[in-house]
Amino acid sequence: MNQNRRKRINDIRDKISELRDELDTIREEEDEYRENIPEQFHGNLHYEQSEEASSNMEEAVESLDQVLDCLEEATQQ
């Protein structure tokens, strides 16, 4: 791979990494919100929606980690 394409991929990796970190921060905020819901409201609709949102964000973060790993490998070729 030539220098120009490698640099472009590294630029993309940097952007994805920033977005991944931002998404993980939002997930942590959602987790904290849910942890502060009084126990008598655990299991209600808002709690379950928050739990599902956190789970989806966690999966997205893991997927972005895989994308970053693949791009890293691509630039090593």
N, C-alpha and C. Protein backbone atom coordinates (compact mmCIF):
# COMPACT_ATOMS: atom_id res chain seq x y z
N MET A 1 0.86 -1.16 0.00
CA MET A 1 0.00 0.00 0.00
C MET A 1 0.91 1.23 0.00
N ASN A 2 0.52 2.20 -0.82
CA ASN A 2 1.37 3.39 -0.87
C ASN A 2 1.09 4.32 0.32
N GLN A 3 1.99 5.26 0.50
CA GLN A 3 1.96 6.19 1.64
C GLN A 3 0.65 6.99 1.68
N ASN A 4 0.18 7.46 0.54
CA ASN A 4 -1.02 8.29 0.48
C ASN A 4 -2.25 7.52 0.98
N ARG A 5 -2.45 6.30 0.48
CA ARG A 5 -3.61 5.51 0.92
C ARG A 5 -3.49 5.13 2.40
N ARG A 6 -2.29 4.81 2.83
CA ARG A 6 -2.07 4.47 4.24
C ARG A 6 -2.44 5.66 5.14
N LYS A 7 -2.04 6.86 4.73
CA LYS A 7 -2.36 8.07 5.49
C LYS A 7 -3.87 8.31 5.53
N ARG A 8 -4.53 8.12 4.40
CA ARG A 8 -5.98 8.31 4.35
C ARG A 8 -6.70 7.32 5.26
N ILE A 9 -6.23 6.08 5.25
CA ILE A 9 -6.84 5.08 6.15
C ILE A 9 -6.58 5.45 7.60
N ASN A 10 -5.39 5.90 7.92
CA ASN A 10 -5.10 6.31 9.30
C ASN A 10 -5.95 7.50 9.71
N ASP A 11 -6.21 8.42 8.78
CA ASP A 11 -7.11 9.54 9.09
C ASP A 11 -8.52 9.05 9.39
N ILE A 12 -8.98 8.09 8.61
CA ILE A 12 -10.30 7.50 8.84
C ILE A 12 -10.32 6.79 10.19
N ARG A 13 -9.27 6.04 10.50
CA ARG A 13 -9.17 5.37 11.80
C ARG A 13 -9.27 6.37 12.95
N ASP A 14 -8.59 7.50 12.81
CA ASP A 14 -8.64 8.53 13.86
C ASP A 14 -10.07 9.04 14.06
N LYS A 15 -10.77 9.27 12.97
CA LYS A 15 -12.16 9.77 13.07
C LYS A 15 -13.07 8.72 13.70
N ILE A 16 -12.92 7.48 13.27
CA ILE A 16 -13.74 6.41 13.83
C ILE A 16 -13.43 6.23 15.32
N SER A 17 -12.18 6.33 15.68
CA SER A 17 -11.78 6.21 17.08
C SER A 17 -12.41 7.30 17.93
N GLU A 18 -12.43 8.52 17.43
CA GLU A 18 -13.07 9.61 18.16
C GLU A 18 -14.56 9.35 18.34
N LEU A 19 -15.22 8.89 17.27
CA LEU A 19 -16.65 8.59 17.35
C LEU A 19 -16.92 7.43 18.30
N ARG A 20 -16.04 6.44 18.28
CA ARG A 20 -16.17 5.29 19.17
C ARG A 20 -16.09 5.75 20.63
N ASP A 21 -15.12 6.61 20.92
CA ASP A 21 -14.96 7.12 22.28
C ASP A 21 -16.17 7.95 22.71
N GLU A 22 -16.69 8.75 21.81
CA GLU A 22 -17.86 9.57 22.12
C GLU A 22 -19.08 8.69 22.40
N LEU A 23 -19.26 7.66 21.58
CA LEU A 23 -20.37 6.74 21.79
C LEU A 23 -20.24 6.00 23.12
N ASP A 24 -19.02 5.60 23.46
CA ASP A 24 -18.81 4.90 24.72
C ASP A 24 -19.10 5.82 25.91
N THR A 25 -18.78 7.09 25.78
CA THR A 25 -19.09 8.06 26.83
C THR A 25 -20.60 8.19 27.01
N ILE A 26 -21.33 8.25 25.90
CA ILE A 26 -22.79 8.33 25.96
C ILE A 26 -23.36 7.08 26.62
N ARG A 27 -22.80 5.90 26.28
CA ARG A 27 -23.24 4.66 26.90
C ARG A 27 -23.01 4.69 28.41
N GLU A 28 -21.85 5.19 28.81
CA GLU A 28 -21.56 5.29 30.24
C GLU A 28 -22.54 6.23 30.94
N GLU A 29 -22.89 7.33 30.28
CA GLU A 29 -23.87 8.27 30.85
C GLU A 29 -25.23 7.61 30.99
N GLU A 30 -25.61 6.82 29.99
CA GLU A 30 -26.89 6.11 30.05
C GLU A 30 -26.88 5.08 31.18
N ASP A 31 -25.76 4.38 31.34
CA ASP A 31 -25.63 3.42 32.45
C ASP A 31 -25.76 4.12 33.80
N GLU A 32 -25.10 5.26 33.92
CA GLU A 32 -25.17 6.02 35.17
C GLU A 32 -26.59 6.50 35.44
N TYR A 33 -27.27 6.96 34.39
CA TYR A 33 -28.67 7.38 34.53
C TYR A 33 -29.51 6.23 35.07
N ARG A 34 -29.32 5.04 34.48
CA ARG A 34 -30.11 3.89 34.88
C ARG A 34 -29.78 3.47 36.31
N GLU A 35 -28.51 3.54 36.68
CA GLU A 35 -28.12 3.17 38.04
C GLU A 35 -28.74 4.08 39.09
N ASN A 36 -29.09 5.29 38.70
CA ASN A 36 -29.68 6.24 39.63
C ASN A 36 -31.21 6.20 39.66
N ILE A 37 -31.80 5.33 38.87
CA ILE A 37 -33.26 5.16 38.92
C ILE A 37 -33.58 4.40 40.20
N PRO A 38 -34.52 4.91 40.99
CA PRO A 38 -34.89 4.22 42.23
C PRO A 38 -35.30 2.76 41.95
N GLU A 39 -34.98 1.90 42.89
CA GLU A 39 -35.18 0.47 42.69
C GLU A 39 -36.63 0.10 42.39
N GLN A 40 -37.58 0.83 42.96
CA GLN A 40 -38.98 0.50 42.71
C GLN A 40 -39.38 0.71 41.24
N PHE A 41 -38.54 1.44 40.48
CA PHE A 41 -38.84 1.68 39.07
C PHE A 41 -38.03 0.77 38.13
N HIS A 42 -37.19 -0.10 38.72
CA HIS A 42 -36.46 -1.06 37.89
C HIS A 42 -37.48 -1.98 37.23
N GLY A 43 -37.29 -2.22 35.97
CA GLY A 43 -38.21 -3.08 35.25
C GLY A 43 -39.33 -2.33 34.55
N ASN A 44 -39.46 -1.02 34.81
CA ASN A 44 -40.50 -0.28 34.09
C ASN A 44 -40.01 0.01 32.67
N LEU A 45 -40.86 0.60 31.86
CA LEU A 45 -40.57 0.82 30.45
C LEU A 45 -39.31 1.66 30.24
N HIS A 46 -39.17 2.76 30.97
CA HIS A 46 -38.00 3.63 30.79
C HIS A 46 -36.71 2.91 31.17
N TYR A 47 -36.77 2.13 32.23
CA TYR A 47 -35.59 1.38 32.66
C TYR A 47 -35.20 0.36 31.59
N GLU A 48 -36.19 -0.37 31.08
CA GLU A 48 -35.91 -1.37 30.07
C GLU A 48 -35.41 -0.75 28.77
N GLN A 49 -35.96 0.40 28.39
CA GLN A 49 -35.50 1.08 27.19
C GLN A 49 -34.05 1.56 27.38
N SER A 50 -33.73 2.05 28.55
CA SER A 50 -32.37 2.48 28.85
C SER A 50 -31.41 1.30 28.79
N GLU A 51 -31.83 0.18 29.34
CA GLU A 51 -31.01 -1.03 29.33
C GLU A 51 -30.75 -1.49 27.89
N GLU A 52 -31.79 -1.48 27.07
CA GLU A 52 -31.67 -1.89 25.67
C GLU A 52 -30.76 -0.93 24.90
N ALA A 53 -30.92 0.36 25.15
CA ALA A 53 -30.08 1.36 24.48
C ALA A 53 -28.61 1.15 24.85
N SER A 54 -28.33 0.92 26.12
CA SER A 54 -26.95 0.68 26.56
C SER A 54 -26.38 -0.57 25.90
N SER A 55 -27.18 -1.60 25.84
CA SER A 55 -26.73 -2.85 25.22
C SER A 55 -26.41 -2.63 23.74
N ASN A 56 -27.27 -1.91 23.04
CA ASN A 56 -27.04 -1.63 21.62
C ASN A 56 -25.80 -0.78 21.42
N MET A 57 -25.61 0.21 22.30
CA MET A 57 -24.42 1.04 22.18
C MET A 57 -23.15 0.24 22.46
N GLU A 58 -23.23 -0.68 23.42
CA GLU A 58 -22.07 -1.51 23.73
C GLU A 58 -21.71 -2.39 22.52
N GLU A 59 -22.71 -2.94 21.87
CA GLU A 59 -22.47 -3.74 20.66
C GLU A 59 -21.85 -2.88 19.56
N ALA A 60 -22.34 -1.65 19.42
CA ALA A 60 -21.80 -0.74 18.41
C ALA A 60 -20.34 -0.41 18.70
N VAL A 61 -20.02 -0.18 19.95
CA VAL A 61 -18.63 0.12 20.34
C VAL A 61 -17.74 -1.08 20.02
N GLU A 62 -18.20 -2.28 20.34
CA GLU A 62 -17.43 -3.48 20.03
C GLU A 62 -17.24 -3.63 18.52
N SER A 63 -18.26 -3.32 17.74
CA SER A 63 -18.14 -3.39 16.29
C SER A 63 -17.15 -2.37 15.77
N LEU A 64 -17.18 -1.18 16.33
CA LEU A 64 -16.21 -0.16 15.93
C LEU A 64 -14.79 -0.58 16.29
N ASP A 65 -14.63 -1.26 17.42
CA ASP A 65 -13.31 -1.79 17.78
C ASP A 65 -12.82 -2.77 16.72
N GLN A 66 -13.73 -3.60 16.23
CA GLN A 66 -13.36 -4.55 15.18
C GLN A 66 -12.98 -3.82 13.89
N VAL A 67 -13.72 -2.78 13.55
CA VAL A 67 -13.39 -1.98 12.37
C VAL A 67 -12.01 -1.38 12.51
N LEU A 68 -11.72 -0.83 13.68
CA LEU A 68 -10.41 -0.23 13.91
C LEU A 68 -9.30 -1.27 13.78
N ASP A 69 -9.53 -2.45 14.30
CA ASP A 69 -8.54 -3.53 14.18
C ASP A 69 -8.31 -3.91 12.72
N CYS A 70 -9.38 -4.01 11.95
CA CYS A 70 -9.25 -4.36 10.53
C CYS A 70 -8.49 -3.28 9.77
N LEU A 71 -8.77 -2.02 10.06
CA LEU A 71 -8.05 -0.93 9.39
C LEU A 71 -6.59 -0.92 9.78
N GLU A 72 -6.32 -1.24 11.03
CA GLU A 72 -4.92 -1.34 11.49
C GLU A 72 -4.19 -2.41 10.70
N GLU A 73 -4.84 -3.57 10.57
CA GLU A 73 -4.23 -4.65 9.82
C GLU A 73 -4.03 -4.27 8.36
N ALA A 74 -4.98 -3.55 7.79
CA ALA A 74 -4.87 -3.14 6.39
C ALA A 74 -3.65 -2.25 6.15
N THR A 75 -3.34 -1.42 7.11
CA THR A 75 -2.20 -0.51 6.93
C THR A 75 -0.87 -1.21 7.19
N GLN A 76 -0.92 -2.40 7.77
CA GLN A 76 0.31 -3.16 8.03
C GLN A 76 0.75 -3.97 6.82
N GLN A 77 -0.12 -4.07 5.83
CA GLN A 77 0.17 -4.87 4.64
C GLN A 77 1.15 -4.17 3.73
